[in-house]
Amino acid sequence: MATKASRSAARIMMAPAVILLLGWMLVPLVMTLWFSFRTYLPLRGGDQGWTGFDNYVRFVTSSSFWPAISTTLILLGGVLIITIVLGILLAMLLDQPMWGQGVVRILVIAPFFVMPTVSALVWKNIFMDPTNGLFAHLWKFFGADPVSWLSDASVPSIILIVSWQWLPFATLILLTAIQSLDGEQMEAAEMDGAPPLSRFWHLTLPHLSRAITIVVLIQTIFLLAIFAEIFVTTGGAFGTRTLSYLIYQRVLESQNIGLGSAGGVYAIILANIVAIFLMRIVGKNLDN
């Protein structure tokens, strides 16, 4: 049993790490808030003083703001649906005994360790190139005209690329949850004559509720900041400009740090709203 002295010693030993972590998170946040209330143009005079909420008003009233929000949410929803549905199916498949099970699991998880820039380049040049891409040759084989994926179907293409990268993460979390499922309950349900779909709906899916909530939360945090895949493939064109890409354009292309910082604050607010909403909806529905 921990004594008062041991708990105090533990707090003292943890204090440096906690302080460092808080500084790591708070310093950029405070600087973002500070610059969002100022006009700061690095290449055009530097800090030009306090502007109040002018940057926030300019950013939200921009004609690009709401389309960027819409594109961000569409990408987020599409990737979440694909990764969770396919993640559950893959996890259930990988949980079955098979020859070379360890190798198969490693191959399934491998895409998660590929850098986003590399995976985007692979998909752009090897699969989706309208002239020499694998999909183009496949379309020609069936007598159809090749599709310019990144211009004609730009948003679905980005969703496909990002889903391919995040599917291993969802599969790994869901596989761990499936392996912790009580086998006796499944055997009892099977002996009672419950069909496979009924066993999945009433036993497996409720058991996966916490794992799905974790997948939704973590992926939401990262997917709201999708950037590399868009930068490499479409450059924000063809309706693929997300909120994070819009912030990039305001900061680097327009050289307006204050305006970009205001966009960063909007991104933080959006991330928290979406994460809380999804956690409540997913967790409540599956627990019931």
C-alpha atoms as a PDB file:
ATOM      1  CA  MET A   1       0.000   0.000   0.000  1.00  0.00           C
ATOM      2  CA  ALA A   2       1.420   3.389  -0.995  1.00  0.00           C
ATOM      3  CA  THR A   3       2.279   5.695   1.881  1.00  0.00           C
ATOM      4  CA  LYS A   4       2.004   9.469   1.913  1.00  0.00           C
ATOM      5  CA  ALA A   5       5.777   9.777   1.581  1.00  0.00           C
ATOM      6  CA  SER A   6       5.911   7.434  -1.425  1.00  0.00           C
ATOM      7  CA  ARG A   7       3.098   9.311  -3.173  1.00  0.00           C
ATOM      8  CA  SER A   8       4.885  12.617  -2.574  1.00  0.00           C
ATOM      9  CA  ALA A   9       8.125  11.153  -3.943  1.00  0.00           C
ATOM     10  CA  ALA A  10       6.279   9.899  -7.030  1.00  0.00           C
ATOM     11  CA  ARG A  11       4.797  13.344  -7.660  1.00  0.00           C
ATOM     12  CA  ILE A  12       8.225  14.975  -7.308  1.00  0.00           C
ATOM     13  CA  MET A  13       9.785  12.530  -9.777  1.00  0.00           C
ATOM     14  CA  MET A  14       6.944  12.995 -12.270  1.00  0.00           C
ATOM     15  CA  ALA A  15       6.939  16.794 -11.984  1.00  0.00           C
ATOM     16  CA  PRO A  16       9.752  17.494 -14.533  1.00  0.00           C
ATOM     17  CA  ALA A  17       8.060  15.368 -17.215  1.00  0.00           C
ATOM     18  CA  VAL A  18       4.659  16.933 -16.542  1.00  0.00           C
ATOM     19  CA  ILE A  19       6.100  20.464 -16.651  1.00  0.00           C
ATOM     20  CA  LEU A  20       7.954  19.697 -19.891  1.00  0.00           C
ATOM     21  CA  LEU A  21       4.800  18.222 -21.458  1.00  0.00           C
ATOM     22  CA  LEU A  22       2.682  21.197 -20.408  1.00  0.00           C
ATOM     23  CA  GLY A  23       5.278  23.583 -21.795  1.00  0.00           C
ATOM     24  CA  TRP A  24       5.421  21.589 -25.035  1.00  0.00           C
ATOM     25  CA  MET A  25       1.659  22.010 -25.450  1.00  0.00           C
ATOM     26  CA  LEU A  26       1.006  25.425 -23.939  1.00  0.00           C
ATOM     27  CA  VAL A  27       3.822  27.497 -25.470  1.00  0.00           C
ATOM     28  CA  PRO A  28       2.710  26.949 -29.121  1.00  0.00           C
ATOM     29  CA  LEU A  29      -0.929  27.452 -28.103  1.00  0.00           C
ATOM     30  CA  VAL A  30      -0.187  30.734 -26.326  1.00  0.00           C
ATOM     31  CA  MET A  31       1.929  31.956 -29.263  1.00  0.00           C
ATOM     32  CA  THR A  32      -0.882  31.063 -31.693  1.00  0.00           C
ATOM     33  CA  LEU A  33      -3.394  33.001 -29.602  1.00  0.00           C
ATOM     34  CA  TRP A  34      -1.015  35.965 -29.351  1.00  0.00           C
ATOM     35  CA  PHE A  35      -0.344  36.195 -33.080  1.00  0.00           C
ATOM     36  CA  SER A  36      -4.034  35.713 -33.926  1.00  0.00           C
ATOM     37  CA  PHE A  37      -4.782  39.137 -32.395  1.00  0.00           C
ATOM     38  CA  ARG A  38      -1.966  40.901 -34.239  1.00  0.00           C
ATOM     39  CA  THR A  39      -1.050  41.810 -37.804  1.00  0.00           C
ATOM     40  CA  TYR A  40       2.248  40.038 -38.367  1.00  0.00           C
ATOM     41  CA  LEU A  41       3.675  40.063 -41.893  1.00  0.00           C
ATOM     42  CA  PRO A  42       7.254  38.673 -41.815  1.00  0.00           C
ATOM     43  CA  LEU A  43       8.189  39.852 -45.323  1.00  0.00           C
ATOM     44  CA  ARG A  44       6.180  43.072 -45.294  1.00  0.00           C
ATOM     45  CA  GLY A  45       7.157  45.000 -42.211  1.00  0.00           C
ATOM     46  CA  GLY A  46       6.904  42.376 -39.476  1.00  0.00           C
ATOM     47  CA  ASP A  47       4.701  43.025 -36.453  1.00  0.00           C
ATOM     48  CA  GLN A  48       2.309  45.858 -37.263  1.00  0.00           C
ATOM     49  CA  GLY A  49       0.447  45.933 -33.981  1.00  0.00           C
ATOM     50  CA  TRP A  50      -2.726  44.802 -32.289  1.00  0.00           C
ATOM     51  CA  THR A  51      -5.792  44.139 -34.475  1.00  0.00           C
ATOM     52  CA  GLY A  52      -8.213  42.526 -32.018  1.00  0.00           C
ATOM     53  CA  PHE A  53     -10.654  40.102 -33.650  1.00  0.00           C
ATOM     54  CA  ASP A  54     -10.050  41.394 -37.165  1.00  0.00           C
ATOM     55  CA  ASN A  55      -8.099  38.286 -38.185  1.00  0.00           C
ATOM     56  CA  TYR A  56     -10.897  36.019 -36.936  1.00  0.00           C
ATOM     57  CA  VAL A  57     -13.530  37.985 -38.839  1.00  0.00           C
ATOM     58  CA  ARG A  58     -11.463  38.029 -42.039  1.00  0.00           C
ATOM     59  CA  PHE A  59     -10.768  34.311 -41.863  1.00  0.00           C
ATOM     60  CA  VAL A  60     -14.354  33.212 -41.201  1.00  0.00           C
ATOM     61  CA  THR A  61     -15.852  35.609 -43.783  1.00  0.00           C
ATOM     62  CA  SER A  62     -13.456  34.439 -46.489  1.00  0.00           C
ATOM     63  CA  SER A  63     -15.143  32.718 -49.433  1.00  0.00           C
ATOM     64  CA  SER A  64     -12.808  29.755 -48.926  1.00  0.00           C
ATOM     65  CA  PHE A  65     -13.639  29.114 -45.258  1.00  0.00           C
ATOM     66  CA  TRP A  66     -16.916  27.195 -45.388  1.00  0.00           C
ATOM     67  CA  PRO A  67     -15.947  25.084 -48.445  1.00  0.00           C
ATOM     68  CA  ALA A  68     -12.770  24.148 -46.561  1.00  0.00           C
ATOM     69  CA  ILE A  69     -14.819  23.174 -43.481  1.00  0.00           C
ATOM     70  CA  SER A  70     -17.159  21.104 -45.659  1.00  0.00           C
ATOM     71  CA  THR A  71     -14.290  19.310 -47.398  1.00  0.00           C
ATOM     72  CA  THR A  72     -12.599  18.612 -44.068  1.00  0.00           C
ATOM     73  CA  LEU A  73     -15.736  17.026 -42.597  1.00  0.00           C
ATOM     74  CA  ILE A  74     -16.411  14.984 -45.760  1.00  0.00           C
ATOM     75  CA  LEU A  75     -12.864  13.599 -45.710  1.00  0.00           C
ATOM     76  CA  LEU A  76     -13.132  12.872 -41.992  1.00  0.00           C
ATOM     77  CA  GLY A  77     -16.473  11.090 -42.311  1.00  0.00           C
ATOM     78  CA  GLY A  78     -15.427   9.066 -45.342  1.00  0.00           C
ATOM     79  CA  VAL A  79     -12.167   7.858 -43.796  1.00  0.00           C
ATOM     80  CA  LEU A  80     -13.816   7.014 -40.466  1.00  0.00           C
ATOM     81  CA  ILE A  81     -16.564   4.960 -42.103  1.00  0.00           C
ATOM     82  CA  ILE A  82     -14.151   3.032 -44.331  1.00  0.00           C
ATOM     83  CA  THR A  83     -11.544   2.346 -41.650  1.00  0.00           C
ATOM     84  CA  ILE A  84     -14.042   1.273 -38.986  1.00  0.00           C
ATOM     85  CA  VAL A  85     -16.136  -0.987 -41.241  1.00  0.00           C
ATOM     86  CA  LEU A  86     -13.170  -2.594 -43.007  1.00  0.00           C
ATOM     87  CA  GLY A  87     -11.191  -2.588 -39.743  1.00  0.00           C
ATOM     88  CA  ILE A  88     -13.851  -4.699 -38.026  1.00  0.00           C
ATOM     89  CA  LEU A  89     -14.003  -7.126 -40.965  1.00  0.00           C
ATOM     90  CA  LEU A  90     -10.206  -7.427 -41.165  1.00  0.00           C
ATOM     91  CA  ALA A  91      -9.874  -7.839 -37.403  1.00  0.00           C
ATOM     92  CA  MET A  92     -12.427 -10.652 -37.388  1.00  0.00           C
ATOM     93  CA  LEU A  93     -10.645 -12.296 -40.319  1.00  0.00           C
ATOM     94  CA  LEU A  94      -7.212 -12.018 -38.705  1.00  0.00           C
ATOM     95  CA  ASP A  95      -8.595 -13.472 -35.483  1.00  0.00           C
ATOM     96  CA  GLN A  96      -9.343 -16.737 -37.280  1.00  0.00           C
ATOM     97  CA  PRO A  97      -6.642 -19.436 -37.304  1.00  0.00           C
ATOM     98  CA  MET A  98      -4.836 -19.500 -40.639  1.00  0.00           C
ATOM     99  CA  TRP A  99      -1.520 -20.513 -42.130  1.00  0.00           C
ATOM    100  CA  GLY A 100       1.104 -17.767 -41.805  1.00  0.00           C
ATOM    101  CA  GLN A 101      -1.090 -15.725 -39.501  1.00  0.00           C
ATOM    102  CA  GLY A 102       1.831 -13.711 -38.088  1.00  0.00           C
ATOM    103  CA  VAL A 103       3.116 -12.745 -41.533  1.00  0.00           C
ATOM    104  CA  VAL A 104      -0.373 -11.756 -42.688  1.00  0.00           C
ATOM    105  CA  ARG A 105      -0.845  -9.527 -39.657  1.00  0.00           C
ATOM    106  CA  ILE A 106       2.475  -7.792 -40.285  1.00  0.00           C
ATOM    107  CA  LEU A 107       1.563  -7.182 -43.946  1.00  0.00           C
ATOM    108  CA  VAL A 108      -1.832  -5.751 -42.949  1.00  0.00           C
ATOM    109  CA  ILE A 109      -0.294  -3.394 -40.386  1.00  0.00           C
ATOM    110  CA  ALA A 110       2.665  -2.338 -42.590  1.00  0.00           C
ATOM    111  CA  PRO A 111       0.956   0.585 -44.446  1.00  0.00           C
ATOM    112  CA  PHE A 112       0.579   2.471 -41.160  1.00  0.00           C
ATOM    113  CA  PHE A 113       4.372   2.845 -40.959  1.00  0.00           C
ATOM    114  CA  VAL A 114       4.649   4.411 -44.422  1.00  0.00           C
ATOM    115  CA  MET A 115       5.081   8.185 -44.339  1.00  0.00           C
ATOM    116  CA  PRO A 116       2.014  10.083 -45.622  1.00  0.00           C
ATOM    117  CA  THR A 117       4.098  11.819 -48.278  1.00  0.00           C
ATOM    118  CA  VAL A 118       5.471   8.524 -49.577  1.00  0.00           C
ATOM    119  CA  SER A 119       2.087   6.801 -49.633  1.00  0.00           C
ATOM    120  CA  ALA A 120       0.541   9.771 -51.457  1.00  0.00           C
ATOM    121  CA  LEU A 121       3.322   9.699 -54.065  1.00  0.00           C
ATOM    122  CA  VAL A 122       2.881   5.940 -54.545  1.00  0.00           C
ATOM    123  CA  TRP A 123      -0.862   6.260 -55.059  1.00  0.00           C
ATOM    124  CA  LYS A 124      -0.469   9.290 -57.328  1.00  0.00           C
ATOM    125  CA  ASN A 125       2.218   7.889 -59.630  1.00  0.00           C
ATOM    126  CA  ILE A 126       1.746   4.120 -59.516  1.00  0.00           C
ATOM    127  CA  PHE A 127      -2.000   3.655 -59.095  1.00  0.00           C
ATOM    128  CA  MET A 128      -3.846   6.840 -60.126  1.00  0.00           C
ATOM    129  CA  ASP A 129      -1.745   8.187 -62.973  1.00  0.00           C
ATOM    130  CA  PRO A 130      -4.213   8.532 -65.906  1.00  0.00           C
ATOM    131  CA  THR A 131      -1.607   7.390 -68.447  1.00  0.00           C
ATOM    132  CA  ASN A 132       0.706   4.827 -66.867  1.00  0.00           C
ATOM    133  CA  GLY A 133      -1.070   4.063 -63.600  1.00  0.00           C
ATOM    134  CA  LEU A 134      -2.247   0.607 -62.598  1.00  0.00           C
ATOM    135  CA  PHE A 135      -5.884   1.732 -62.569  1.00  0.00           C
ATOM    136  CA  ALA A 136      -5.491   3.185 -66.082  1.00  0.00           C
ATOM    137  CA  HIS A 137      -4.189  -0.139 -67.446  1.00  0.00           C
ATOM    138  CA  LEU A 138      -7.004  -1.963 -65.646  1.00  0.00           C
ATOM    139  CA  TRP A 139      -9.616   0.331 -67.197  1.00  0.00           C
ATOM    140  CA  LYS A 140      -8.061  -0.152 -70.665  1.00  0.00           C
ATOM    141  CA  PHE A 141      -8.118  -3.937 -70.180  1.00  0.00           C
ATOM    142  CA  PHE A 142     -11.891  -3.811 -69.739  1.00  0.00           C
ATOM    143  CA  GLY A 143     -12.295  -1.414 -72.669  1.00  0.00           C
ATOM    144  CA  ALA A 144     -13.071   1.696 -70.625  1.00  0.00           C
ATOM    145  CA  ASP A 145     -11.442   5.108 -70.798  1.00  0.00           C
ATOM    146  CA  PRO A 146      -8.918   5.847 -68.023  1.00  0.00           C
ATOM    147  CA  VAL A 147     -10.055   8.155 -65.247  1.00  0.00           C
ATOM    148  CA  SER A 148      -8.106  11.192 -64.089  1.00  0.00           C
ATOM    149  CA  TRP A 149      -8.671  10.300 -60.463  1.00  0.00           C
ATOM    150  CA  LEU A 150      -7.077  13.316 -58.824  1.00  0.00           C
ATOM    151  CA  SER A 151      -9.066  15.791 -60.926  1.00  0.00           C
ATOM    152  CA  ASP A 152     -12.331  14.002 -61.798  1.00  0.00           C
ATOM    153  CA  ALA A 153     -12.765  12.215 -58.454  1.00  0.00           C
ATOM    154  CA  SER A 154     -10.395  14.198 -56.263  1.00  0.00           C
ATOM    155  CA  VAL A 155     -12.140  13.946 -52.880  1.00  0.00           C
ATOM    156  CA  PRO A 156     -12.871  10.178 -53.125  1.00  0.00           C
ATOM    157  CA  SER A 157      -9.247   9.685 -54.209  1.00  0.00           C
ATOM    158  CA  ILE A 158      -7.935  11.493 -51.123  1.00  0.00           C
ATOM    159  CA  ILE A 159     -10.322   9.482 -48.942  1.00  0.00           C
ATOM    160  CA  LEU A 160      -9.016   6.262 -50.500  1.00  0.00           C
ATOM    161  CA  ILE A 161      -5.370   7.226 -49.956  1.00  0.00           C
ATOM    162  CA  VAL A 162      -5.856   8.286 -46.343  1.00  0.00           C
ATOM    163  CA  SER A 163      -8.063   5.275 -45.559  1.00  0.00           C
ATOM    164  CA  TRP A 164      -5.379   2.921 -46.858  1.00  0.00           C
ATOM    165  CA  GLN A 165      -2.908   4.470 -44.461  1.00  0.00           C
ATOM    166  CA  TRP A 166      -5.168   4.507 -41.382  1.00  0.00           C
ATOM    167  CA  LEU A 167      -6.869   1.134 -41.881  1.00  0.00           C
ATOM    168  CA  PRO A 168      -4.010  -0.803 -40.187  1.00  0.00           C
ATOM    169  CA  PHE A 169      -4.309   1.343 -37.064  1.00  0.00           C
ATOM    170  CA  ALA A 170      -8.042   0.690 -36.761  1.00  0.00           C
ATOM    171  CA  THR A 171      -7.526  -3.013 -37.492  1.00  0.00           C
ATOM    172  CA  LEU A 172      -4.858  -3.350 -34.797  1.00  0.00           C
ATOM    173  CA  ILE A 173      -6.999  -1.690 -32.099  1.00  0.00           C
ATOM    174  CA  LEU A 174     -10.108  -3.657 -33.055  1.00  0.00           C
ATOM    175  CA  LEU A 175      -8.198  -6.937 -33.295  1.00  0.00           C
ATOM    176  CA  THR A 176      -6.929  -6.447 -29.742  1.00  0.00           C
ATOM    177  CA  ALA A 177     -10.504  -5.860 -28.581  1.00  0.00           C
ATOM    178  CA  ILE A 178     -11.826  -8.930 -30.410  1.00  0.00           C
ATOM    179  CA  GLN A 179      -9.150 -11.118 -28.859  1.00  0.00           C
ATOM    180  CA  SER A 180     -10.337 -10.049 -25.400  1.00  0.00           C
ATOM    181  CA  LEU A 181     -13.907 -11.157 -26.152  1.00  0.00           C
ATOM    182  CA  ASP A 182     -15.184 -13.873 -23.812  1.00  0.00           C
ATOM    183  CA  GLY A 183     -15.207 -17.065 -25.847  1.00  0.00           C
ATOM    184  CA  GLU A 184     -17.656 -18.756 -23.501  1.00  0.00           C
ATOM    185  CA  GLN A 185     -20.350 -16.203 -24.317  1.00  0.00           C
ATOM    186  CA  MET A 186     -19.892 -16.805 -28.035  1.00  0.00           C
ATOM    187  CA  GLU A 187     -19.998 -20.575 -27.552  1.00  0.00           C
ATOM    188  CA  ALA A 188     -23.135 -20.294 -25.419  1.00  0.00           C
ATOM    189  CA  ALA A 189     -24.845 -18.127 -28.024  1.00  0.00           C
ATOM    190  CA  GLU A 190     -23.849 -20.565 -30.759  1.00  0.00           C
ATOM    191  CA  MET A 191     -25.193 -23.525 -28.773  1.00  0.00           C
ATOM    192  CA  ASP A 192     -28.463 -21.628 -28.265  1.00  0.00           C
ATOM    193  CA  GLY A 193     -28.819 -21.417 -32.034  1.00  0.00           C
ATOM    194  CA  ALA A 194     -28.019 -17.727 -32.526  1.00  0.00           C
ATOM    195  CA  PRO A 195     -27.021 -17.059 -36.161  1.00  0.00           C
ATOM    196  CA  PRO A 196     -23.608 -15.464 -36.889  1.00  0.00           C
ATOM    197  CA  LEU A 197     -25.103 -12.056 -37.714  1.00  0.00           C
ATOM    198  CA  SER A 198     -27.059 -12.013 -34.463  1.00  0.00           C
ATOM    199  CA  ARG A 199     -23.946 -12.986 -32.470  1.00  0.00           C
ATOM    200  CA  PHE A 200     -22.003 -10.192 -34.128  1.00  0.00           C
ATOM    201  CA  TRP A 201     -24.712  -7.578 -33.552  1.00  0.00           C
ATOM    202  CA  HIS A 202     -25.509  -8.430 -29.926  1.00  0.00           C
ATOM    203  CA  LEU A 203     -22.138  -9.664 -28.615  1.00  0.00           C
ATOM    204  CA  THR A 204     -19.183  -8.649 -30.783  1.00  0.00           C
ATOM    205  CA  LEU A 205     -20.230  -5.103 -31.714  1.00  0.00           C
ATOM    206  CA  PRO A 206     -21.133  -3.971 -28.144  1.00  0.00           C
ATOM    207  CA  HIS A 207     -17.836  -5.426 -26.959  1.00  0.00           C
ATOM    208  CA  LEU A 208     -16.022  -3.320 -29.581  1.00  0.00           C
ATOM    209  CA  SER A 209     -17.726  -0.071 -28.523  1.00  0.00           C
ATOM    210  CA  ARG A 210     -14.813   1.211 -26.441  1.00  0.00           C
ATOM    211  CA  ALA A 211     -12.264   0.257 -29.105  1.00  0.00           C
ATOM    212  CA  ILE A 212     -14.322   1.964 -31.817  1.00  0.00           C
ATOM    213  CA  THR A 213     -14.593   5.074 -29.646  1.00  0.00           C
ATOM    214  CA  ILE A 214     -10.795   5.130 -29.244  1.00  0.00           C
ATOM    215  CA  VAL A 215     -10.302   4.717 -33.001  1.00  0.00           C
ATOM    216  CA  VAL A 216     -12.790   7.497 -33.730  1.00  0.00           C
ATOM    217  CA  LEU A 217     -11.205   9.870 -31.221  1.00  0.00           C
ATOM    218  CA  ILE A 218      -7.569   9.344 -32.243  1.00  0.00           C
ATOM    219  CA  GLN A 219      -8.255   9.344 -35.974  1.00  0.00           C
ATOM    220  CA  THR A 220     -10.419  12.451 -35.690  1.00  0.00           C
ATOM    221  CA  ILE A 221      -7.605  14.373 -34.016  1.00  0.00           C
ATOM    222  CA  PHE A 222      -5.171  13.506 -36.806  1.00  0.00           C
ATOM    223  CA  LEU A 223      -7.557  13.495 -39.769  1.00  0.00           C
ATOM    224  CA  LEU A 224      -8.730  17.038 -39.113  1.00  0.00           C
ATOM    225  CA  ALA A 225      -5.152  18.062 -39.882  1.00  0.00           C
ATOM    226  CA  ILE A 226      -4.829  16.207 -43.202  1.00  0.00           C
ATOM    227  CA  PHE A 227      -2.203  18.031 -45.217  1.00  0.00           C
ATOM    228  CA  ALA A 228       0.610  15.966 -46.753  1.00  0.00           C
ATOM    229  CA  GLU A 229      -1.642  13.808 -48.922  1.00  0.00           C
ATOM    230  CA  ILE A 230      -3.377  16.882 -50.362  1.00  0.00           C
ATOM    231  CA  PHE A 231      -0.141  18.832 -50.829  1.00  0.00           C
ATOM    232  CA  VAL A 232       1.494  15.984 -52.775  1.00  0.00           C
ATOM    233  CA  THR A 233      -1.486  14.956 -54.926  1.00  0.00           C
ATOM    234  CA  THR A 234      -3.760  17.903 -55.765  1.00  0.00           C
ATOM    235  CA  GLY A 235      -2.148  20.938 -54.121  1.00  0.00           C
ATOM    236  CA  GLY A 236      -5.532  21.952 -52.750  1.00  0.00           C
ATOM    237  CA  ALA A 237      -7.142  22.115 -56.197  1.00  0.00           C
ATOM    238  CA  PHE A 238     -10.295  20.374 -57.470  1.00  0.00           C
ATOM    239  CA  GLY A 239     -12.223  20.963 -54.247  1.00  0.00           C
ATOM    240  CA  THR A 240      -9.716  19.275 -51.909  1.00  0.00           C
ATOM    241  CA  ARG A 241      -8.671  22.316 -49.887  1.00  0.00           C
ATOM    242  CA  THR A 242      -9.240  21.477 -46.230  1.00  0.00           C
ATOM    243  CA  LEU A 243      -9.075  23.805 -43.244  1.00  0.00           C
ATOM    244  CA  SER A 244      -5.462  22.877 -42.500  1.00  0.00           C
ATOM    245  CA  TYR A 245      -4.488  23.494 -46.135  1.00  0.00           C
ATOM    246  CA  LEU A 246      -6.271  26.846 -46.079  1.00  0.00           C
ATOM    247  CA  ILE A 247      -4.256  27.798 -42.987  1.00  0.00           C
ATOM    248  CA  TYR A 248      -1.068  26.791 -44.819  1.00  0.00           C
ATOM    249  CA  GLN A 249      -1.981  29.036 -47.727  1.00  0.00           C
ATOM    250  CA  ARG A 250      -2.711  31.977 -45.454  1.00  0.00           C
ATOM    251  CA  VAL A 251       0.553  31.585 -43.530  1.00  0.00           C
ATOM    252  CA  LEU A 252       3.109  30.603 -46.176  1.00  0.00           C
ATOM    253  CA  GLU A 253       1.644  31.733 -49.466  1.00  0.00           C
ATOM    254  CA  SER A 254       0.126  34.983 -48.170  1.00  0.00           C
ATOM    255  CA  GLN A 255       2.806  35.479 -45.480  1.00  0.00           C
ATOM    256  CA  ASN A 256       0.146  36.500 -42.961  1.00  0.00           C
ATOM    257  CA  ILE A 257       0.985  34.888 -39.618  1.00  0.00           C
ATOM    258  CA  GLY A 258      -1.862  36.609 -37.774  1.00  0.00           C
ATOM    259  CA  LEU A 259      -4.532  35.418 -40.209  1.00  0.00           C
ATOM    260  CA  GLY A 260      -3.125  31.895 -40.222  1.00  0.00           C
ATOM    261  CA  SER A 261      -3.009  31.830 -36.414  1.00  0.00           C
ATOM    262  CA  ALA A 262      -6.687  32.781 -36.288  1.00  0.00           C
ATOM    263  CA  GLY A 263      -7.354  29.853 -38.616  1.00  0.00           C
ATOM    264  CA  GLY A 264      -5.366  27.626 -36.269  1.00  0.00           C
ATOM    265  CA  VAL A 265      -7.627  28.625 -33.377  1.00  0.00           C
ATOM    266  CA  TYR A 266     -10.675  27.770 -35.500  1.00  0.00           C
ATOM    267  CA  ALA A 267      -9.084  24.388 -36.266  1.00  0.00           C
ATOM    268  CA  ILE A 268      -8.597  23.681 -32.546  1.00  0.00           C
ATOM    269  CA  ILE A 269     -12.221  24.583 -31.823  1.00  0.00           C
ATOM    270  CA  LEU A 270     -13.470  22.427 -34.704  1.00  0.00           C
ATOM    271  CA  ALA A 271     -11.353  19.459 -33.585  1.00  0.00           C
ATOM    272  CA  ASN A 272     -12.742  19.596 -30.054  1.00  0.00           C
ATOM    273  CA  ILE A 273     -16.357  19.974 -31.206  1.00  0.00           C
ATOM    274  CA  VAL A 274     -16.149  17.077 -33.673  1.00  0.00           C
ATOM    275  CA  ALA A 275     -14.270  14.802 -31.246  1.00  0.00           C
ATOM    276  CA  ILE A 276     -16.746  15.377 -28.404  1.00  0.00           C
ATOM    277  CA  PHE A 277     -19.718  14.919 -30.736  1.00  0.00           C
ATOM    278  CA  LEU A 278     -18.412  11.662 -32.211  1.00  0.00           C
ATOM    279  CA  MET A 279     -17.411  10.256 -28.819  1.00  0.00           C
ATOM    280  CA  ARG A 280     -20.881  10.903 -27.419  1.00  0.00           C
ATOM    281  CA  ILE A 281     -22.746   9.536 -30.429  1.00  0.00           C
ATOM    282  CA  VAL A 282     -20.600   6.433 -31.000  1.00  0.00           C
ATOM    283  CA  GLY A 283     -20.136   5.551 -27.344  1.00  0.00           C
ATOM    284  CA  LYS A 284     -23.802   6.057 -26.401  1.00  0.00           C
ATOM    285  CA  ASN A 285     -25.231   4.135 -29.352  1.00  0.00           C
ATOM    286  CA  LEU A 286     -22.928   1.137 -29.024  1.00  0.00           C
ATOM    287  CA  ASP A 287     -23.165   0.893 -25.246  1.00  0.00           C
ATOM    288  CA  ASN A 288     -26.931   0.762 -25.511  1.00  0.00           C
END
